[in-house]
Amino acid sequence: MSSNSPERSDHSVLLSNCTADAISNAAAALHSGALVAFPTETVYGLGADATNESAVAHIYSVKGRPADHPLIVHIGQLSQLDQWAIKIPDYAIALARDFWPGPMTLILNRSEKVKDFITGGQTSVGVRIPANPIALALLREFGGGIAAPSANRFGAISPTTAQAVKDEIGEYLDAKQDLILDGGPSLVGVESTIIECLEDFPRVLRPGAITVEMIEESTGLKVENSKSQTRASGLLDAHYAPKAKVFLLDPENPVVGCIAGEGFIAPASHPTPDGAIRLAAPISAGDGVAIAIRDRLQRAAFEGGSLR
């Protein structure tokens, strides 16, 4: 499976209205081996038939993604889970019942249906049911599993609109067959919580909207804190990086570290430093989303700079 850059095309198909016909055409495209970028409640995904090795290889090519970096399989309903996973612990079923459809990925022991080109050679697989109605309609029309990482070049910021997908990877898609479904902005805006369910206790590999407290309340178990060897999406030290360098500021006094002309992101309670350019001023976020945003910023700043 090559991660070399593919030849670029000038245009990709952008479907701005997600009608029943558009969903049907997108499902047919997946069956034919094409890629379909589609909205979820977290971010936009770049999907392929999870059983089609050549289609999945096209995902890796478009993204420039390392071949050993596993993909998440999206399904349309809980009854499909045992097609993709085996030896599912009771606490994982409890999590699925409580939080699916929703922004949660479960890492489970893979079934025989799941091949190495999905898992990067691991014996586990990530599975989730998204909550976005367009994603669910596509999954149910398609009828199988859709392998879908975020619809961006590897290591870059995950897109939350169809236009961001087109801007980021449109030139790498096959204009004759690949599609982009426009379902408006993603509501959550950060990637799913990834929970490893391979041992006696759940372990959070990537934070998201589903918090540790929510997991423990659902399962009645304490979340395992030890480090895992499982590879999963978005866990590299340097990831989610924009083209600009990212620096983390002192949370006690962020204004001091910001230089005139730089972009500035901070809660609305912090004033914009003189000469800085305010990029965002979130009022508040749920605990899970707040933790997830800090995780993404730390990874984005890994090579660009540390606390200043």
Protein backbone atom coordinates (compact mmCIF):
# COMPACT_ATOMS: atom_id res chain seq x y z
CA MET A 1 0.00 0.00 0.00
CA SER A 2 1.76 3.15 -1.13
CA SER A 3 1.62 6.49 0.68
CA ASN A 4 3.25 8.37 -2.19
CA SER A 5 1.46 11.43 -3.48
CA PRO A 6 -1.00 10.62 -6.28
CA GLU A 7 -1.35 12.62 -9.44
CA ARG A 8 -3.56 15.62 -8.89
CA SER A 9 -6.75 16.39 -10.78
CA ASP A 10 -8.13 19.86 -11.34
CA HIS A 11 -11.63 19.30 -10.03
CA SER A 12 -13.59 17.02 -7.71
CA VAL A 13 -17.33 16.53 -7.55
CA LEU A 14 -19.04 18.57 -4.84
CA LEU A 15 -22.60 17.50 -4.03
CA SER A 16 -24.14 20.47 -2.27
CA ASN A 17 -27.61 18.99 -1.73
CA CYS A 18 -27.79 15.65 0.07
CA THR A 19 -31.00 14.39 -1.48
CA ALA A 20 -32.07 10.74 -1.46
CA ASP A 21 -30.72 10.45 -5.01
CA ALA A 22 -27.38 11.91 -3.96
CA ILE A 23 -27.09 9.42 -1.07
CA SER A 24 -28.00 6.57 -3.42
CA ASN A 25 -25.40 7.70 -5.96
CA ALA A 26 -22.77 7.99 -3.23
CA ALA A 27 -23.50 4.46 -1.99
CA ALA A 28 -23.22 3.17 -5.56
CA ALA A 29 -19.90 4.99 -5.92
CA LEU A 30 -18.59 3.25 -2.81
CA HIS A 31 -19.67 -0.13 -4.19
CA SER A 32 -17.77 0.65 -7.40
CA GLY A 33 -14.55 1.36 -5.51
CA ALA A 34 -14.72 5.16 -5.41
CA LEU A 35 -14.08 7.40 -2.42
CA VAL A 36 -16.82 9.49 -0.82
CA ALA A 37 -16.11 12.33 1.62
CA PHE A 38 -19.07 12.69 3.95
CA PRO A 39 -20.06 14.64 7.07
CA THR A 40 -20.17 13.23 10.57
CA GLU A 41 -20.96 15.02 13.82
CA THR A 42 -17.23 15.12 14.65
CA VAL A 43 -15.40 15.97 11.39
CA TYR A 44 -15.72 15.04 7.70
CA GLY A 45 -14.54 11.55 6.80
CA LEU A 46 -12.99 10.18 3.61
CA GLY A 47 -14.77 6.88 3.05
CA ALA A 48 -14.21 3.68 1.09
CA ASP A 49 -15.71 0.19 1.13
CA ALA A 50 -13.93 -1.39 4.12
CA THR A 51 -13.67 -4.72 2.28
CA ASN A 52 -12.15 -3.27 -0.91
CA GLU A 53 -8.36 -3.26 -0.64
CA SER A 54 -7.73 -1.11 -3.72
CA ALA A 55 -10.29 1.51 -2.63
CA VAL A 56 -8.74 1.66 0.84
CA ALA A 57 -5.30 2.00 -0.77
CA HIS A 58 -6.68 5.07 -2.58
CA ILE A 59 -7.53 6.61 0.83
CA TYR A 60 -3.94 6.16 1.95
CA SER A 61 -2.68 7.65 -1.31
CA VAL A 62 -4.97 10.69 -1.22
CA LYS A 63 -4.08 11.41 2.42
CA GLY A 64 -0.38 10.57 2.16
CA ARG A 65 -1.02 8.32 5.18
CA PRO A 66 1.53 5.74 6.44
CA ALA A 67 0.42 2.21 5.55
CA ASP A 68 0.66 1.00 9.16
CA HIS A 69 -1.71 3.70 10.46
CA PRO A 70 -5.09 1.98 11.01
CA LEU A 71 -8.49 3.18 9.83
CA ILE A 72 -11.83 3.32 11.66
CA VAL A 73 -14.71 1.26 10.26
CA HIS A 74 -18.05 3.09 10.36
CA ILE A 75 -21.24 1.05 10.55
CA GLY A 76 -24.91 2.02 10.42
CA GLN A 77 -26.39 0.03 13.29
CA LEU A 78 -25.33 -1.91 16.37
CA SER A 79 -26.49 -5.24 14.92
CA GLN A 80 -23.56 -5.05 12.45
CA LEU A 81 -20.90 -4.91 15.15
CA ASP A 82 -20.30 -8.65 15.38
CA GLN A 83 -19.46 -8.71 11.66
CA TRP A 84 -16.36 -6.64 12.42
CA ALA A 85 -15.39 -7.58 15.98
CA ILE A 86 -15.18 -10.69 18.19
CA LYS A 87 -14.84 -11.36 21.92
CA ILE A 88 -16.58 -8.06 22.65
CA PRO A 89 -16.54 -7.36 26.41
CA ASP A 90 -19.78 -6.54 28.20
CA TYR A 91 -18.56 -3.05 29.08
CA ALA A 92 -18.01 -2.30 25.37
CA ILE A 93 -21.62 -3.27 24.65
CA ALA A 94 -22.72 -0.96 27.47
CA LEU A 95 -20.74 1.89 25.93
CA ALA A 96 -22.16 1.19 22.47
CA ARG A 97 -25.72 1.19 23.81
CA ASP A 98 -25.20 4.42 25.74
CA PHE A 99 -23.20 6.48 23.24
CA TRP A 100 -23.90 5.19 19.71
CA PRO A 101 -24.76 6.78 17.41
CA GLY A 102 -22.26 9.34 18.63
CA PRO A 103 -18.65 10.62 18.81
CA MET A 104 -17.07 7.43 20.18
CA THR A 105 -14.80 4.82 18.57
CA LEU A 106 -14.30 1.42 20.22
CA ILE A 107 -11.08 -0.55 19.66
CA LEU A 108 -12.06 -4.24 19.65
CA ASN A 109 -10.62 -7.60 18.65
CA ARG A 110 -11.07 -7.83 14.90
CA SER A 111 -13.11 -10.49 13.12
CA GLU A 112 -11.93 -12.51 10.12
CA LYS A 113 -13.73 -10.02 7.88
CA VAL A 114 -11.29 -7.27 8.86
CA LYS A 115 -8.03 -7.39 6.94
CA ASP A 116 -4.55 -6.01 7.57
CA PHE A 117 -5.08 -3.17 5.08
CA ILE A 118 -7.64 -1.72 7.52
CA THR A 119 -5.79 -2.34 10.80
CA GLY A 120 -2.19 -1.72 9.79
CA GLY A 121 -1.46 -5.35 10.67
CA GLN A 122 -2.90 -5.18 14.20
CA THR A 123 -5.29 -7.76 15.63
CA SER A 124 -7.71 -5.02 16.70
CA VAL A 125 -10.06 -2.72 14.78
CA GLY A 126 -11.69 0.62 15.52
CA VAL A 127 -15.46 0.77 14.98
CA ARG A 128 -18.03 3.52 15.42
CA ILE A 129 -21.59 4.55 14.51
CA PRO A 130 -21.73 8.27 13.71
CA ALA A 131 -24.68 10.42 14.76
CA ASN A 132 -24.87 12.61 11.67
CA PRO A 133 -28.12 11.84 9.74
CA ILE A 134 -26.40 12.05 6.33
CA ALA A 135 -23.65 9.67 7.45
CA LEU A 136 -26.24 7.25 8.81
CA ALA A 137 -28.31 7.46 5.62
CA LEU A 138 -25.20 6.73 3.54
CA LEU A 139 -24.18 3.80 5.76
CA ARG A 140 -27.63 2.26 5.67
CA GLU A 141 -27.96 2.73 1.91
CA PHE A 142 -24.48 1.23 1.42
CA GLY A 143 -25.25 -1.67 3.75
CA GLY A 144 -21.69 -2.46 4.82
CA GLY A 145 -18.78 -0.93 6.67
CA ILE A 146 -17.14 2.26 5.45
CA ALA A 147 -13.48 2.76 6.35
CA ALA A 148 -13.04 6.48 6.91
CA PRO A 149 -10.29 8.59 8.43
CA SER A 150 -10.68 12.37 8.51
CA ALA A 151 -10.80 13.90 5.01
CA ASN A 152 -7.49 15.76 5.08
CA ARG A 153 -3.85 15.19 4.24
CA PHE A 154 -2.09 13.13 6.90
CA GLY A 155 -1.13 15.10 10.00
CA ALA A 156 -3.12 18.20 9.01
CA ILE A 157 -6.20 19.73 10.60
CA SER A 158 -9.40 17.69 10.27
CA PRO A 159 -12.03 19.45 8.11
CA THR A 160 -15.44 20.36 9.50
CA THR A 161 -17.04 21.57 6.22
CA ALA A 162 -17.30 20.20 2.69
CA GLN A 163 -15.47 23.27 1.35
CA ALA A 164 -12.57 22.58 3.71
CA VAL A 165 -12.43 19.03 2.34
CA LYS A 166 -12.36 20.31 -1.23
CA ASP A 167 -9.68 22.86 -0.41
CA GLU A 168 -7.52 20.29 1.38
CA ILE A 169 -7.75 17.16 -0.81
CA GLY A 170 -9.94 18.02 -3.81
CA GLU A 171 -6.96 18.11 -6.15
CA TYR A 172 -5.95 14.58 -5.10
CA LEU A 173 -9.36 12.98 -5.70
CA ASP A 174 -10.42 11.29 -8.94
CA ALA A 175 -12.78 13.81 -10.55
CA LYS A 176 -14.41 11.04 -12.60
CA GLN A 177 -15.64 8.96 -9.67
CA ASP A 178 -14.88 10.34 -6.20
CA LEU A 179 -17.54 12.45 -4.45
CA ILE A 180 -17.88 15.00 -1.65
CA LEU A 181 -21.20 15.15 0.18
CA ASP A 182 -21.96 18.57 1.64
CA GLY A 183 -23.93 18.24 4.87
CA GLY A 184 -23.05 21.57 6.42
CA PRO A 185 -20.65 22.13 9.35
CA SER A 186 -19.84 19.30 11.75
CA LEU A 187 -21.55 19.95 15.09
CA VAL A 188 -18.89 18.64 17.50
CA GLY A 189 -15.85 19.74 15.51
CA VAL A 190 -13.26 17.46 17.14
CA GLU A 191 -12.56 13.82 16.42
CA SER A 192 -14.23 10.98 18.31
CA THR A 193 -13.12 9.67 21.69
CA ILE A 194 -11.18 6.44 21.05
CA ILE A 195 -11.64 3.80 23.76
CA GLU A 196 -9.60 0.60 23.79
CA CYS A 197 -11.74 -2.37 24.83
CA LEU A 198 -9.23 -5.21 24.64
CA GLU A 199 -8.69 -5.97 28.34
CA ASP A 200 -10.69 -6.09 31.57
CA PHE A 201 -10.94 -2.29 31.83
CA PRO A 202 -11.53 0.42 29.20
CA ARG A 203 -8.64 2.71 28.25
CA VAL A 204 -8.96 6.12 26.55
CA LEU A 205 -6.49 6.42 23.68
CA ARG A 206 -7.73 9.75 22.31
CA PRO A 207 -9.90 12.22 24.24
CA GLY A 208 -13.11 13.57 22.75
CA ALA A 209 -16.66 14.53 23.65
CA ILE A 210 -17.22 11.26 25.58
CA THR A 211 -15.39 11.83 28.86
CA VAL A 212 -13.71 9.50 31.35
CA GLU A 213 -16.52 10.25 33.79
CA MET A 214 -19.15 9.27 31.22
CA ILE A 215 -17.29 6.04 30.45
CA GLU A 216 -17.02 5.09 34.10
CA GLU A 217 -20.68 5.85 34.75
CA SER A 218 -21.73 3.75 31.76
CA THR A 219 -19.52 0.74 32.51
CA GLY A 220 -19.23 0.82 36.29
CA LEU A 221 -15.47 0.39 35.78
CA LYS A 222 -12.47 2.61 36.38
CA VAL A 223 -10.75 3.73 33.20
CA GLU A 224 -7.28 2.21 32.83
CA ASN A 225 -4.51 4.85 32.88
CA SER A 226 -1.51 2.78 31.75
CA LYS A 227 -0.05 3.38 28.29
CA SER A 228 -1.23 1.21 25.42
CA GLN A 229 0.78 -0.20 22.52
CA THR A 230 -2.25 -0.05 20.23
CA ARG A 231 -1.86 2.25 17.22
CA ALA A 232 -4.91 4.39 16.52
CA SER A 233 -5.83 7.52 14.59
CA GLY A 234 -4.46 10.84 15.81
CA LEU A 235 -2.00 9.50 18.41
CA LEU A 236 1.29 10.68 16.91
CA ASP A 237 3.12 13.32 18.97
CA ALA A 238 2.99 15.73 16.01
CA HIS A 239 -0.49 15.80 14.48
CA TYR A 240 -3.46 18.08 13.70
CA ALA A 241 -0.99 20.69 12.51
CA PRO A 242 -1.87 23.77 10.43
CA LYS A 243 0.62 25.18 7.95
CA ALA A 244 1.61 27.83 10.50
CA LYS A 245 3.67 27.10 13.62
CA VAL A 246 1.65 26.65 16.81
CA PHE A 247 2.79 27.84 20.23
CA LEU A 248 1.05 27.16 23.53
CA LEU A 249 0.82 30.19 25.80
CA ASP A 250 0.86 30.39 29.57
CA PRO A 251 -2.77 29.67 30.55
CA GLU A 252 -2.46 31.99 33.55
CA ASN A 253 -1.47 34.98 31.42
CA PRO A 254 -1.66 34.18 27.68
CA VAL A 255 -1.53 37.84 26.61
CA VAL A 256 2.12 38.15 27.69
CA GLY A 257 3.41 35.49 25.31
CA CYS A 258 1.60 36.64 22.17
CA ILE A 259 3.51 38.68 19.59
CA ALA A 260 1.92 41.37 17.41
CA GLY A 261 0.73 40.00 14.08
CA GLU A 262 0.24 36.45 15.33
CA GLY A 263 -3.08 34.65 15.36
CA PHE A 264 -4.63 34.24 18.82
CA ILE A 265 -7.09 31.64 20.08
CA ALA A 266 -8.31 31.82 23.67
CA PRO A 267 -11.56 31.74 25.63
CA ALA A 268 -13.68 34.87 25.32
CA SER A 269 -12.72 35.78 28.90
CA HIS A 270 -9.14 36.56 27.74
CA PRO A 271 -8.66 39.92 25.96
CA THR A 272 -6.94 40.01 22.57
CA PRO A 273 -3.31 41.20 22.91
CA ASP A 274 -2.38 44.44 21.17
CA GLY A 275 -1.58 43.76 17.51
CA ALA A 276 -2.63 40.11 17.60
CA ILE A 277 -5.29 38.72 15.27
CA ARG A 278 -8.19 37.05 17.11
CA LEU A 279 -8.95 33.74 15.32
CA ALA A 280 -11.52 32.35 17.75
CA ALA A 281 -13.05 33.20 21.12
CA PRO A 282 -15.01 30.19 22.38
CA ILE A 283 -17.38 31.01 25.22
CA SER A 284 -17.35 27.54 26.75
CA ALA A 285 -17.13 23.86 25.85
CA GLY A 286 -18.07 20.61 27.49
CA ASP A 287 -15.32 19.03 29.58
CA GLY A 288 -14.69 16.34 26.99
CA VAL A 289 -14.40 18.77 24.10
CA ALA A 290 -12.18 21.11 26.14
CA ILE A 291 -9.79 18.26 26.99
CA ALA A 292 -9.83 17.12 23.37
CA ILE A 293 -9.04 20.61 22.06
CA ARG A 294 -6.06 20.89 24.41
CA ASP A 295 -4.83 17.47 23.27
CA ARG A 296 -5.05 18.58 19.61
CA LEU A 297 -3.28 21.87 20.32
CA GLN A 298 -0.45 20.10 22.14
CA ARG A 299 0.06 17.80 19.15
CA ALA A 300 -0.16 20.72 16.71
CA ALA A 301 2.51 22.56 18.72
CA PHE A 302 4.81 19.53 19.07
CA GLU A 303 7.24 20.70 16.36
CA GLY A 304 6.27 24.35 16.21
CA GLY A 305 7.08 25.37 19.75
CA SER A 306 6.45 24.79 23.42
CA LEU A 307 4.99 26.90 26.18
CA ARG A 308 5.98 30.55 26.02
